[in-house]
């Protein structure tokens, strides 16, 4: 997704970081992988607090990723509207 965003923004002549939304997406993916561990391994009940924190982090990182992708979508949509209005 970040490569596609980067290419599209470069085609529209925006200044863009090398991999937009990459860090947010990777953070979400890593925490999601960590969230699977409690269901695969028999862990003591004292691990429940850690599992809750991992679940909370998963939600937070997903919202960050979603917000960033949504922001880029709106930028690209507004650019498309602006270019069609000029013609």
N, C-alpha and C. Protein backbone atom coordinates (compact mmCIF):
# COMPACT_ATOMS: atom_id res chain seq x y z
N UNK A 1 0.82 -1.18 0.00
CA UNK A 1 0.00 0.00 0.00
C UNK A 1 0.87 1.26 0.00
N UNK A 2 1.94 1.25 0.80
CA UNK A 2 2.77 2.45 0.88
C UNK A 2 3.49 2.73 -0.44
N UNK A 3 3.88 1.69 -1.16
CA UNK A 3 4.53 1.87 -2.46
C UNK A 3 3.54 2.46 -3.47
N UNK A 4 2.34 1.96 -3.46
CA UNK A 4 1.30 2.47 -4.36
C UNK A 4 0.99 3.93 -4.06
N UNK A 5 0.86 4.27 -2.78
CA UNK A 5 0.62 5.66 -2.39
C UNK A 5 1.76 6.56 -2.81
N UNK A 6 2.97 6.10 -2.57
CA UNK A 6 4.15 6.87 -2.93
C UNK A 6 4.20 7.14 -4.43
N UNK A 7 3.95 6.11 -5.23
CA UNK A 7 3.96 6.27 -6.69
C UNK A 7 2.88 7.23 -7.15
N UNK A 8 1.69 7.10 -6.60
CA UNK A 8 0.58 7.97 -7.00
C UNK A 8 0.85 9.43 -6.64
N UNK A 9 1.36 9.65 -5.43
CA UNK A 9 1.65 11.02 -5.01
C UNK A 9 2.78 11.62 -5.83
N UNK A 10 3.78 10.82 -6.17
CA UNK A 10 4.86 11.32 -7.03
C UNK A 10 4.34 11.66 -8.43
N UNK A 11 3.44 10.84 -8.96
CA UNK A 11 2.85 11.13 -10.28
C UNK A 11 2.08 12.44 -10.27
N UNK A 12 1.49 12.77 -9.13
CA UNK A 12 0.74 14.02 -9.02
C UNK A 12 1.60 15.17 -8.52
N UNK A 13 2.90 14.93 -8.47
CA UNK A 13 3.91 15.95 -8.12
C UNK A 13 3.76 16.50 -6.71
N UNK A 14 3.46 15.63 -5.76
CA UNK A 14 3.46 15.99 -4.34
C UNK A 14 4.82 15.64 -3.76
N UNK A 15 5.23 16.41 -2.75
CA UNK A 15 6.39 16.01 -1.98
C UNK A 15 5.92 14.91 -1.05
N UNK A 16 6.62 13.78 -1.07
CA UNK A 16 6.13 12.63 -0.33
C UNK A 16 7.31 11.94 0.36
N UNK A 17 7.04 11.42 1.55
CA UNK A 17 8.06 10.62 2.22
C UNK A 17 8.22 9.31 1.45
N UNK A 18 9.30 8.62 1.69
CA UNK A 18 9.61 7.43 0.89
C UNK A 18 8.54 6.36 0.96
N UNK A 19 8.07 6.05 2.15
CA UNK A 19 7.05 5.01 2.33
C UNK A 19 5.93 5.55 3.22
N UNK A 20 4.97 6.27 2.64
CA UNK A 20 3.88 6.79 3.47
C UNK A 20 3.04 5.66 4.05
N UNK A 21 2.71 5.75 5.30
CA UNK A 21 1.86 4.80 6.04
C UNK A 21 2.55 3.46 6.30
N UNK A 22 3.80 3.30 5.92
CA UNK A 22 4.50 2.03 6.11
C UNK A 22 4.70 1.72 7.59
N UNK A 23 5.19 2.70 8.34
CA UNK A 23 5.47 2.47 9.76
C UNK A 23 4.19 2.15 10.53
N UNK A 24 3.12 2.88 10.24
CA UNK A 24 1.86 2.62 10.93
C UNK A 24 1.33 1.23 10.58
N UNK A 25 1.44 0.83 9.33
CA UNK A 25 0.98 -0.48 8.92
C UNK A 25 1.81 -1.61 9.52
N UNK A 26 3.12 -1.43 9.56
CA UNK A 26 3.98 -2.46 10.14
C UNK A 26 3.76 -2.57 11.65
N UNK A 27 3.55 -1.45 12.32
CA UNK A 27 3.27 -1.49 13.76
C UNK A 27 2.00 -2.29 14.03
N UNK A 28 0.98 -2.03 13.24
CA UNK A 28 -0.28 -2.76 13.40
C UNK A 28 -0.09 -4.24 13.11
N UNK A 29 0.67 -4.57 12.07
CA UNK A 29 0.88 -5.98 11.71
C UNK A 29 1.65 -6.73 12.80
N UNK A 30 2.67 -6.10 13.36
CA UNK A 30 3.47 -6.75 14.40
C UNK A 30 2.64 -6.99 15.66
N UNK A 31 1.88 -5.99 16.07
CA UNK A 31 1.05 -6.15 17.27
C UNK A 31 -0.04 -7.19 17.01
N UNK A 32 -0.56 -7.25 15.80
CA UNK A 32 -1.56 -8.27 15.47
C UNK A 32 -0.97 -9.67 15.56
N UNK A 33 0.28 -9.83 15.13
CA UNK A 33 0.94 -11.13 15.27
C UNK A 33 1.15 -11.49 16.74
N UNK A 34 1.49 -10.50 17.56
CA UNK A 34 1.65 -10.74 18.99
C UNK A 34 0.32 -11.13 19.64
N UNK A 35 -0.77 -10.61 19.11
CA UNK A 35 -2.08 -10.90 19.69
C UNK A 35 -2.49 -12.35 19.47
N UNK A 36 -1.90 -13.01 18.49
CA UNK A 36 -2.23 -14.41 18.21
C UNK A 36 -1.61 -15.35 19.24
N UNK A 37 -0.51 -14.96 19.83
CA UNK A 37 0.25 -15.84 20.75
C UNK A 37 -0.61 -16.42 21.88
N UNK A 38 -1.44 -15.62 22.56
CA UNK A 38 -2.24 -16.21 23.66
C UNK A 38 -3.19 -17.32 23.20
N UNK A 39 -3.63 -17.27 21.98
CA UNK A 39 -4.54 -18.32 21.52
C UNK A 39 -3.80 -19.58 21.07
N UNK A 40 -2.51 -19.47 20.81
CA UNK A 40 -1.72 -20.62 20.35
C UNK A 40 -1.01 -21.35 21.48
N UNK A 41 -0.64 -20.62 22.51
CA UNK A 41 0.14 -21.20 23.60
C UNK A 41 -0.66 -21.19 24.91
N UNK A 42 -0.52 -22.22 25.70
CA UNK A 42 -1.16 -22.19 27.03
C UNK A 42 -0.36 -21.27 27.96
N UNK A 43 -0.92 -20.12 28.26
CA UNK A 43 -0.23 -19.14 29.10
C UNK A 43 -0.94 -19.03 30.44
N UNK A 44 -0.20 -18.68 31.49
CA UNK A 44 -0.84 -18.54 32.81
C UNK A 44 -1.82 -17.36 32.83
N UNK A 45 -2.71 -17.39 33.77
CA UNK A 45 -3.73 -16.34 33.86
C UNK A 45 -3.11 -14.98 34.19
N UNK A 46 -1.91 -14.97 34.74
CA UNK A 46 -1.25 -13.69 35.03
C UNK A 46 -0.88 -12.95 33.75
N UNK A 47 -0.94 -13.63 32.64
CA UNK A 47 -0.63 -13.02 31.35
C UNK A 47 -1.82 -12.24 30.79
N UNK A 48 -2.97 -12.33 31.45
CA UNK A 48 -4.19 -11.68 30.96
C UNK A 48 -4.02 -10.17 30.83
N UNK A 49 -3.33 -9.54 31.76
CA UNK A 49 -3.12 -8.09 31.68
C UNK A 49 -2.27 -7.73 30.47
N UNK A 50 -1.26 -8.52 30.20
CA UNK A 50 -0.40 -8.27 29.04
C UNK A 50 -1.20 -8.47 27.76
N UNK A 51 -2.05 -9.50 27.72
CA UNK A 51 -2.89 -9.74 26.55
C UNK A 51 -3.86 -8.57 26.33
N UNK A 52 -4.37 -8.01 27.41
CA UNK A 52 -5.27 -6.86 27.30
C UNK A 52 -4.54 -5.65 26.74
N UNK A 53 -3.31 -5.44 27.17
CA UNK A 53 -2.51 -4.31 26.66
C UNK A 53 -2.23 -4.52 25.18
N UNK A 54 -1.90 -5.74 24.80
CA UNK A 54 -1.64 -6.03 23.38
C UNK A 54 -2.89 -5.77 22.55
N UNK A 55 -4.04 -6.18 23.06
CA UNK A 55 -5.30 -5.91 22.36
C UNK A 55 -5.58 -4.43 22.22
N UNK A 56 -5.32 -3.67 23.26
CA UNK A 56 -5.50 -2.22 23.21
C UNK A 56 -4.55 -1.59 22.21
N UNK A 57 -3.30 -2.02 22.22
CA UNK A 57 -2.33 -1.51 21.25
C UNK A 57 -2.75 -1.85 19.82
N UNK A 58 -3.31 -3.02 19.65
CA UNK A 58 -3.77 -3.42 18.33
C UNK A 58 -4.84 -2.46 17.82
N UNK A 59 -5.77 -2.11 18.67
CA UNK A 59 -6.83 -1.17 18.29
C UNK A 59 -6.24 0.20 17.98
N UNK A 60 -5.33 0.67 18.82
CA UNK A 60 -4.73 1.99 18.62
C UNK A 60 -3.95 2.05 17.32
N UNK A 61 -3.12 1.03 17.05
CA UNK A 61 -2.33 1.03 15.81
C UNK A 61 -3.21 0.89 14.58
N UNK A 62 -4.31 0.13 14.68
CA UNK A 62 -5.22 0.03 13.55
C UNK A 62 -5.84 1.39 13.25
N UNK A 63 -6.26 2.11 14.28
CA UNK A 63 -6.88 3.42 14.08
C UNK A 63 -5.87 4.39 13.46
N UNK A 64 -4.62 4.35 13.92
CA UNK A 64 -3.59 5.21 13.33
C UNK A 64 -3.40 4.89 11.85
N UNK A 65 -3.32 3.61 11.53
CA UNK A 65 -3.12 3.20 10.14
C UNK A 65 -4.33 3.60 9.29
N UNK A 66 -5.51 3.34 9.78
CA UNK A 66 -6.72 3.68 9.05
C UNK A 66 -6.80 5.18 8.82
N UNK A 67 -6.50 5.98 9.83
CA UNK A 67 -6.57 7.44 9.72
C UNK A 67 -5.57 7.95 8.68
N UNK A 68 -4.38 7.39 8.67
CA UNK A 68 -3.37 7.83 7.71
C UNK A 68 -3.78 7.47 6.29
N UNK A 69 -4.26 6.26 6.07
CA UNK A 69 -4.70 5.85 4.74
C UNK A 69 -5.90 6.69 4.31
N UNK A 70 -6.81 6.96 5.22
CA UNK A 70 -7.98 7.78 4.91
C UNK A 70 -7.55 9.20 4.54
N UNK A 71 -6.56 9.74 5.23
CA UNK A 71 -6.08 11.08 4.91
C UNK A 71 -5.50 11.12 3.50
N UNK A 72 -4.69 10.13 3.15
CA UNK A 72 -4.13 10.08 1.79
C UNK A 72 -5.23 9.92 0.76
N UNK A 73 -6.25 9.12 1.05
CA UNK A 73 -7.37 8.95 0.13
C UNK A 73 -8.06 10.29 -0.12
N UNK A 74 -8.27 11.05 0.94
CA UNK A 74 -8.93 12.35 0.79
C UNK A 74 -8.06 13.32 0.01
N UNK A 75 -6.76 13.30 0.24
CA UNK A 75 -5.85 14.17 -0.52
C UNK A 75 -5.93 13.84 -2.00
N UNK A 76 -5.87 12.57 -2.33
CA UNK A 76 -5.93 12.16 -3.74
C UNK A 76 -7.30 12.47 -4.35
N UNK A 77 -8.36 12.25 -3.60
CA UNK A 77 -9.70 12.56 -4.11
C UNK A 77 -9.86 14.06 -4.35
N UNK A 78 -9.39 14.89 -3.42
CA UNK A 78 -9.50 16.34 -3.59
C UNK A 78 -8.65 16.82 -4.76
N UNK A 79 -7.51 16.21 -4.97
CA UNK A 79 -6.66 16.58 -6.10
C UNK A 79 -7.38 16.24 -7.41
N UNK A 80 -8.05 15.11 -7.44
CA UNK A 80 -8.78 14.71 -8.64
C UNK A 80 -9.92 15.68 -8.92
N UNK A 81 -10.63 16.11 -7.89
CA UNK A 81 -11.72 17.07 -8.05
C UNK A 81 -11.17 18.41 -8.52
N UNK A 82 -10.04 18.84 -7.97
CA UNK A 82 -9.43 20.11 -8.36
C UNK A 82 -9.00 20.11 -9.82
N UNK A 83 -8.43 19.00 -10.27
CA UNK A 83 -7.97 18.94 -11.66
C UNK A 83 -9.15 18.87 -12.65
N UNK A 84 -10.24 18.24 -12.28
CA UNK A 84 -11.40 18.21 -13.18
C UNK A 84 -12.11 19.55 -13.19
N UNK A 85 -12.07 20.31 -12.10
CA UNK A 85 -12.68 21.65 -12.07
C UNK A 85 -11.91 22.63 -12.93
N UNK A 86 -10.58 22.47 -13.02
CA UNK A 86 -9.76 23.38 -13.81
C UNK A 86 -9.99 23.20 -15.29
N UNK A 87 -10.38 22.01 -15.70
CA UNK A 87 -10.58 21.74 -17.13
C UNK A 87 -11.92 22.23 -17.52
